[in-house]
Amino acid sequence: MAMKIRLARGGSKKRPFYRIVAADSRMPRDGRFIEKLGTYNPLLPKDSEDRVKMNMERVQYWLDQGAQPTDRISRFLEADGVLEKKERNNPNKAKPGKKAQERAEEKAAAANAPAEEEAPAEEAPAEEAAVEEAPAEEATTEEAPAEEAAEEEKAE
């Protein structure tokens, strides 16, 4: 009989609550279990003592009997210092999913195609704008006193 220490989900919809149980691996997730070893409430803050509660004597007993903890349970046990930390390697964790990659490729293709066509057209107006900027600045400084005078007249 292959024993597992795993989570059995309880609680209502969108409000998960888990029992930490020792169960036969062939039984359903929320089905028959041999012993309840603790609770896990993911809705509580990470620093709360009530988030994960385990009867460590019984957990150690089942580990000695050959029960295999699931990934989540082994992380709890590592945090408590019962198990030594495993080196985990998930190189795909930061990669976006298939649909997100497709969207990114479409955006890149859409951005590259028009940019190459418009690049030469953008350079010429940029040079003209640089020549026109100098007189435009002078004009704004001359207009500023006129605007102030107009505002003073409105105030009176």
C-alpha atoms as a PDB file:
ATOM      1  CA  MET A   1       0.000   0.000   0.000  1.00  0.00           C
ATOM      2  CA  ALA A   2       1.589   3.302  -1.175  1.00  0.00           C
ATOM      3  CA  MET A   3       1.028   5.941   1.485  1.00  0.00           C
ATOM      4  CA  LYS A   4       1.019   9.662   0.857  1.00  0.00           C
ATOM      5  CA  ILE A   5       0.894  12.695   3.115  1.00  0.00           C
ATOM      6  CA  ARG A   6      -1.179  15.138   1.123  1.00  0.00           C
ATOM      7  CA  LEU A   7      -3.798  17.882   1.151  1.00  0.00           C
ATOM      8  CA  ALA A   8      -7.525  17.101   1.087  1.00  0.00           C
ATOM      9  CA  ARG A   9      -9.564  20.131   0.031  1.00  0.00           C
ATOM     10  CA  GLY A  10     -12.476  21.352   2.046  1.00  0.00           C
ATOM     11  CA  GLY A  11     -14.175  24.716   2.346  1.00  0.00           C
ATOM     12  CA  SER A  12     -16.591  26.326  -0.058  1.00  0.00           C
ATOM     13  CA  LYS A  13     -16.196  27.696  -3.537  1.00  0.00           C
ATOM     14  CA  LYS A  14     -13.431  30.348  -3.720  1.00  0.00           C
ATOM     15  CA  ARG A  15     -12.686  29.774   0.001  1.00  0.00           C
ATOM     16  CA  PRO A  16     -10.260  26.836   0.126  1.00  0.00           C
ATOM     17  CA  PHE A  17      -9.354  25.066   3.337  1.00  0.00           C
ATOM     18  CA  TYR A  18      -7.195  21.943   3.420  1.00  0.00           C
ATOM     19  CA  ARG A  19      -6.717  19.036   5.803  1.00  0.00           C
ATOM     20  CA  ILE A  20      -3.258  17.494   5.860  1.00  0.00           C
ATOM     21  CA  VAL A  21      -3.921  13.751   5.804  1.00  0.00           C
ATOM     22  CA  ALA A  22      -2.141  10.425   5.561  1.00  0.00           C
ATOM     23  CA  ALA A  23      -3.944   8.470   2.835  1.00  0.00           C
ATOM     24  CA  ASP A  24      -3.557   5.580   0.436  1.00  0.00           C
ATOM     25  CA  SER A  25      -2.347   7.068  -2.845  1.00  0.00           C
ATOM     26  CA  ARG A  26      -5.083   5.196  -4.745  1.00  0.00           C
ATOM     27  CA  MET A  27      -7.889   6.992  -2.874  1.00  0.00           C
ATOM     28  CA  PRO A  28      -9.549  10.164  -4.234  1.00  0.00           C
ATOM     29  CA  ARG A  29      -8.077  13.529  -3.263  1.00  0.00           C
ATOM     30  CA  ASP A  30     -10.897  14.420  -0.877  1.00  0.00           C
ATOM     31  CA  GLY A  31     -11.887  10.820  -0.200  1.00  0.00           C
ATOM     32  CA  ARG A  32     -10.982   8.213   2.386  1.00  0.00           C
ATOM     33  CA  PHE A  33      -7.915   8.885   4.499  1.00  0.00           C
ATOM     34  CA  ILE A  34      -6.284   7.030   7.344  1.00  0.00           C
ATOM     35  CA  GLU A  35      -5.408   9.893   9.699  1.00  0.00           C
ATOM     36  CA  LYS A  36      -5.781  13.660   9.837  1.00  0.00           C
ATOM     37  CA  LEU A  37      -2.372  15.197  10.556  1.00  0.00           C
ATOM     38  CA  GLY A  38      -3.143  18.914  10.444  1.00  0.00           C
ATOM     39  CA  THR A  39      -4.679  21.807   8.540  1.00  0.00           C
ATOM     40  CA  TYR A  40      -3.638  24.420   5.979  1.00  0.00           C
ATOM     41  CA  ASN A  41      -5.569  27.667   5.429  1.00  0.00           C
ATOM     42  CA  PRO A  42      -4.144  29.557   2.401  1.00  0.00           C
ATOM     43  CA  LEU A  43      -6.412  32.559   3.038  1.00  0.00           C
ATOM     44  CA  LEU A  44      -4.468  33.552   6.145  1.00  0.00           C
ATOM     45  CA  PRO A  45      -1.357  35.758   5.827  1.00  0.00           C
ATOM     46  CA  LYS A  46       1.973  33.964   5.338  1.00  0.00           C
ATOM     47  CA  ASP A  47       3.287  34.974   8.775  1.00  0.00           C
ATOM     48  CA  SER A  48       0.215  33.673  10.631  1.00  0.00           C
ATOM     49  CA  GLU A  49       0.771  30.698  12.962  1.00  0.00           C
ATOM     50  CA  ASP A  50      -2.662  29.295  12.125  1.00  0.00           C
ATOM     51  CA  ARG A  51      -1.905  29.086   8.372  1.00  0.00           C
ATOM     52  CA  VAL A  52      -0.248  25.664   8.663  1.00  0.00           C
ATOM     53  CA  LYS A  53      -0.843  23.442  11.694  1.00  0.00           C
ATOM     54  CA  MET A  54       0.648  19.942  11.832  1.00  0.00           C
ATOM     55  CA  ASN A  55       0.916  17.233  14.461  1.00  0.00           C
ATOM     56  CA  MET A  56       4.665  16.758  13.945  1.00  0.00           C
ATOM     57  CA  GLU A  57       4.867  13.501  15.977  1.00  0.00           C
ATOM     58  CA  ARG A  58       2.320  11.793  13.731  1.00  0.00           C
ATOM     59  CA  VAL A  59       3.839  13.284  10.561  1.00  0.00           C
ATOM     60  CA  GLN A  60       7.225  11.893  11.600  1.00  0.00           C
ATOM     61  CA  TYR A  61       5.624   8.509  12.332  1.00  0.00           C
ATOM     62  CA  TRP A  62       4.117   8.317   8.847  1.00  0.00           C
ATOM     63  CA  LEU A  63       7.381   9.451   7.228  1.00  0.00           C
ATOM     64  CA  ASP A  64       9.159   6.649   9.134  1.00  0.00           C
ATOM     65  CA  GLN A  65       6.515   4.203   7.828  1.00  0.00           C
ATOM     66  CA  GLY A  66       7.477   5.191   4.265  1.00  0.00           C
ATOM     67  CA  ALA A  67       4.732   7.691   3.448  1.00  0.00           C
ATOM     68  CA  GLN A  68       5.734  10.090   0.660  1.00  0.00           C
ATOM     69  CA  PRO A  69       4.874  13.783   1.146  1.00  0.00           C
ATOM     70  CA  THR A  70       3.529  15.699  -1.842  1.00  0.00           C
ATOM     71  CA  ASP A  71       5.421  18.765  -3.104  1.00  0.00           C
ATOM     72  CA  ARG A  72       3.355  21.226  -1.075  1.00  0.00           C
ATOM     73  CA  ILE A  73       3.612  19.151   2.116  1.00  0.00           C
ATOM     74  CA  SER A  74       7.363  18.713   1.648  1.00  0.00           C
ATOM     75  CA  ARG A  75       7.679  22.507   1.414  1.00  0.00           C
ATOM     76  CA  PHE A  76       5.806  22.846   4.722  1.00  0.00           C
ATOM     77  CA  LEU A  77       8.101  20.249   6.295  1.00  0.00           C
ATOM     78  CA  GLU A  78      11.191  22.002   4.914  1.00  0.00           C
ATOM     79  CA  ALA A  79       9.971  25.283   6.425  1.00  0.00           C
ATOM     80  CA  ASP A  80       9.607  23.511   9.805  1.00  0.00           C
ATOM     81  CA  GLY A  81      13.065  21.968   9.431  1.00  0.00           C
ATOM     82  CA  VAL A  82      11.849  18.340   9.397  1.00  0.00           C
ATOM     83  CA  LEU A  83      13.071  17.615   5.860  1.00  0.00           C
ATOM     84  CA  GLU A  84      16.271  18.898   4.282  1.00  0.00           C
ATOM     85  CA  LYS A  85      15.647  21.385   1.480  1.00  0.00           C
ATOM     86  CA  LYS A  86      15.618  19.928  -2.003  1.00  0.00           C
ATOM     87  CA  GLU A  87      17.197  21.772  -4.892  1.00  0.00           C
ATOM     88  CA  ARG A  88      14.343  22.616  -7.232  1.00  0.00           C
ATOM     89  CA  ASN A  89      14.862  23.672 -10.809  1.00  0.00           C
ATOM     90  CA  ASN A  90      11.985  24.965 -12.893  1.00  0.00           C
ATOM     91  CA  PRO A  91      13.516  26.738 -15.891  1.00  0.00           C
ATOM     92  CA  ASN A  92      10.098  27.168 -17.535  1.00  0.00           C
ATOM     93  CA  LYS A  93       8.589  29.072 -14.602  1.00  0.00           C
ATOM     94  CA  ALA A  94       9.293  32.547 -15.974  1.00  0.00           C
ATOM     95  CA  LYS A  95       8.390  31.739 -19.578  1.00  0.00           C
ATOM     96  CA  PRO A  96       4.998  32.971 -20.770  1.00  0.00           C
ATOM     97  CA  GLY A  97       2.404  30.489 -21.970  1.00  0.00           C
ATOM     98  CA  LYS A  98       1.838  29.508 -25.587  1.00  0.00           C
ATOM     99  CA  LYS A  99      -0.889  32.102 -26.270  1.00  0.00           C
ATOM    100  CA  ALA A 100       1.120  34.902 -24.640  1.00  0.00           C
ATOM    101  CA  GLN A 101       4.149  33.989 -26.781  1.00  0.00           C
ATOM    102  CA  GLU A 102       1.989  34.075 -29.923  1.00  0.00           C
ATOM    103  CA  ARG A 103       0.637  37.522 -28.988  1.00  0.00           C
ATOM    104  CA  ALA A 104       4.165  38.796 -28.339  1.00  0.00           C
ATOM    105  CA  GLU A 105       5.320  37.506 -31.738  1.00  0.00           C
ATOM    106  CA  GLU A 106       2.361  39.200 -33.462  1.00  0.00           C
ATOM    107  CA  LYS A 107       3.114  42.501 -31.715  1.00  0.00           C
ATOM    108  CA  ALA A 108       6.796  42.253 -32.639  1.00  0.00           C
ATOM    109  CA  ALA A 109       5.931  41.506 -36.275  1.00  0.00           C
ATOM    110  CA  ALA A 110       3.430  44.386 -36.386  1.00  0.00           C
ATOM    111  CA  ALA A 111       5.895  46.779 -34.763  1.00  0.00           C
ATOM    112  CA  ASN A 112       8.820  45.819 -36.998  1.00  0.00           C
ATOM    113  CA  ALA A 113       7.053  45.998 -40.383  1.00  0.00           C
ATOM    114  CA  PRO A 114       5.763  49.619 -40.246  1.00  0.00           C
ATOM    115  CA  ALA A 115       8.826  50.895 -38.386  1.00  0.00           C
ATOM    116  CA  GLU A 116      11.131  49.850 -41.223  1.00  0.00           C
ATOM    117  CA  GLU A 117       8.934  51.588 -43.815  1.00  0.00           C
ATOM    118  CA  GLU A 118       8.505  54.794 -41.794  1.00  0.00           C
ATOM    119  CA  ALA A 119      12.099  55.148 -40.603  1.00  0.00           C
ATOM    120  CA  PRO A 120      13.417  57.021 -43.695  1.00  0.00           C
ATOM    121  CA  ALA A 121      10.291  59.216 -43.808  1.00  0.00           C
ATOM    122  CA  GLU A 122      10.744  60.196 -40.135  1.00  0.00           C
ATOM    123  CA  GLU A 123      14.334  61.406 -40.570  1.00  0.00           C
ATOM    124  CA  ALA A 124      13.524  64.160 -43.084  1.00  0.00           C
ATOM    125  CA  PRO A 125      10.757  65.858 -41.032  1.00  0.00           C
ATOM    126  CA  ALA A 126      12.906  65.615 -37.905  1.00  0.00           C
ATOM    127  CA  GLU A 127      15.622  67.710 -39.579  1.00  0.00           C
ATOM    128  CA  GLU A 128      13.055  70.280 -40.758  1.00  0.00           C
ATOM    129  CA  ALA A 129      11.546  70.457 -37.258  1.00  0.00           C
ATOM    130  CA  ALA A 130      14.967  71.164 -35.759  1.00  0.00           C
ATOM    131  CA  VAL A 131      15.421  74.132 -38.128  1.00  0.00           C
ATOM    132  CA  GLU A 132      11.924  75.465 -37.363  1.00  0.00           C
ATOM    133  CA  GLU A 133      12.262  75.171 -33.559  1.00  0.00           C
ATOM    134  CA  ALA A 134      14.611  78.139 -33.114  1.00  0.00           C
ATOM    135  CA  PRO A 135      12.234  80.756 -34.567  1.00  0.00           C
ATOM    136  CA  ALA A 136       9.276  79.128 -32.815  1.00  0.00           C
ATOM    137  CA  GLU A 137      10.912  79.638 -29.397  1.00  0.00           C
ATOM    138  CA  GLU A 138      11.446  83.351 -30.138  1.00  0.00           C
ATOM    139  CA  ALA A 139       7.833  83.714 -31.180  1.00  0.00           C
ATOM    140  CA  THR A 140       6.583  82.190 -27.923  1.00  0.00           C
ATOM    141  CA  THR A 141       8.681  84.581 -25.839  1.00  0.00           C
ATOM    142  CA  GLU A 142       7.285  87.563 -27.773  1.00  0.00           C
ATOM    143  CA  GLU A 143       3.710  86.350 -27.415  1.00  0.00           C
ATOM    144  CA  ALA A 144       3.971  85.807 -23.681  1.00  0.00           C
ATOM    145  CA  PRO A 145       3.815  89.535 -22.683  1.00  0.00           C
ATOM    146  CA  ALA A 146       0.903  90.052 -25.068  1.00  0.00           C
ATOM    147  CA  GLU A 147      -0.990  87.191 -23.422  1.00  0.00           C
ATOM    148  CA  GLU A 148      -0.324  88.630 -19.966  1.00  0.00           C
ATOM    149  CA  ALA A 149      -1.635  92.035 -21.068  1.00  0.00           C
ATOM    150  CA  ALA A 150      -4.781  90.398 -22.456  1.00  0.00           C
ATOM    151  CA  GLU A 151      -5.339  88.557 -19.162  1.00  0.00           C
ATOM    152  CA  GLU A 152      -4.946  91.813 -17.187  1.00  0.00           C
ATOM    153  CA  GLU A 153      -7.553  93.510 -19.367  1.00  0.00           C
ATOM    154  CA  LYS A 154     -10.003  90.641 -18.755  1.00  0.00           C
ATOM    155  CA  ALA A 155      -9.442  90.886 -14.993  1.00  0.00           C
ATOM    156  CA  GLU A 156     -10.393  94.617 -14.985  1.00  0.00           C
END
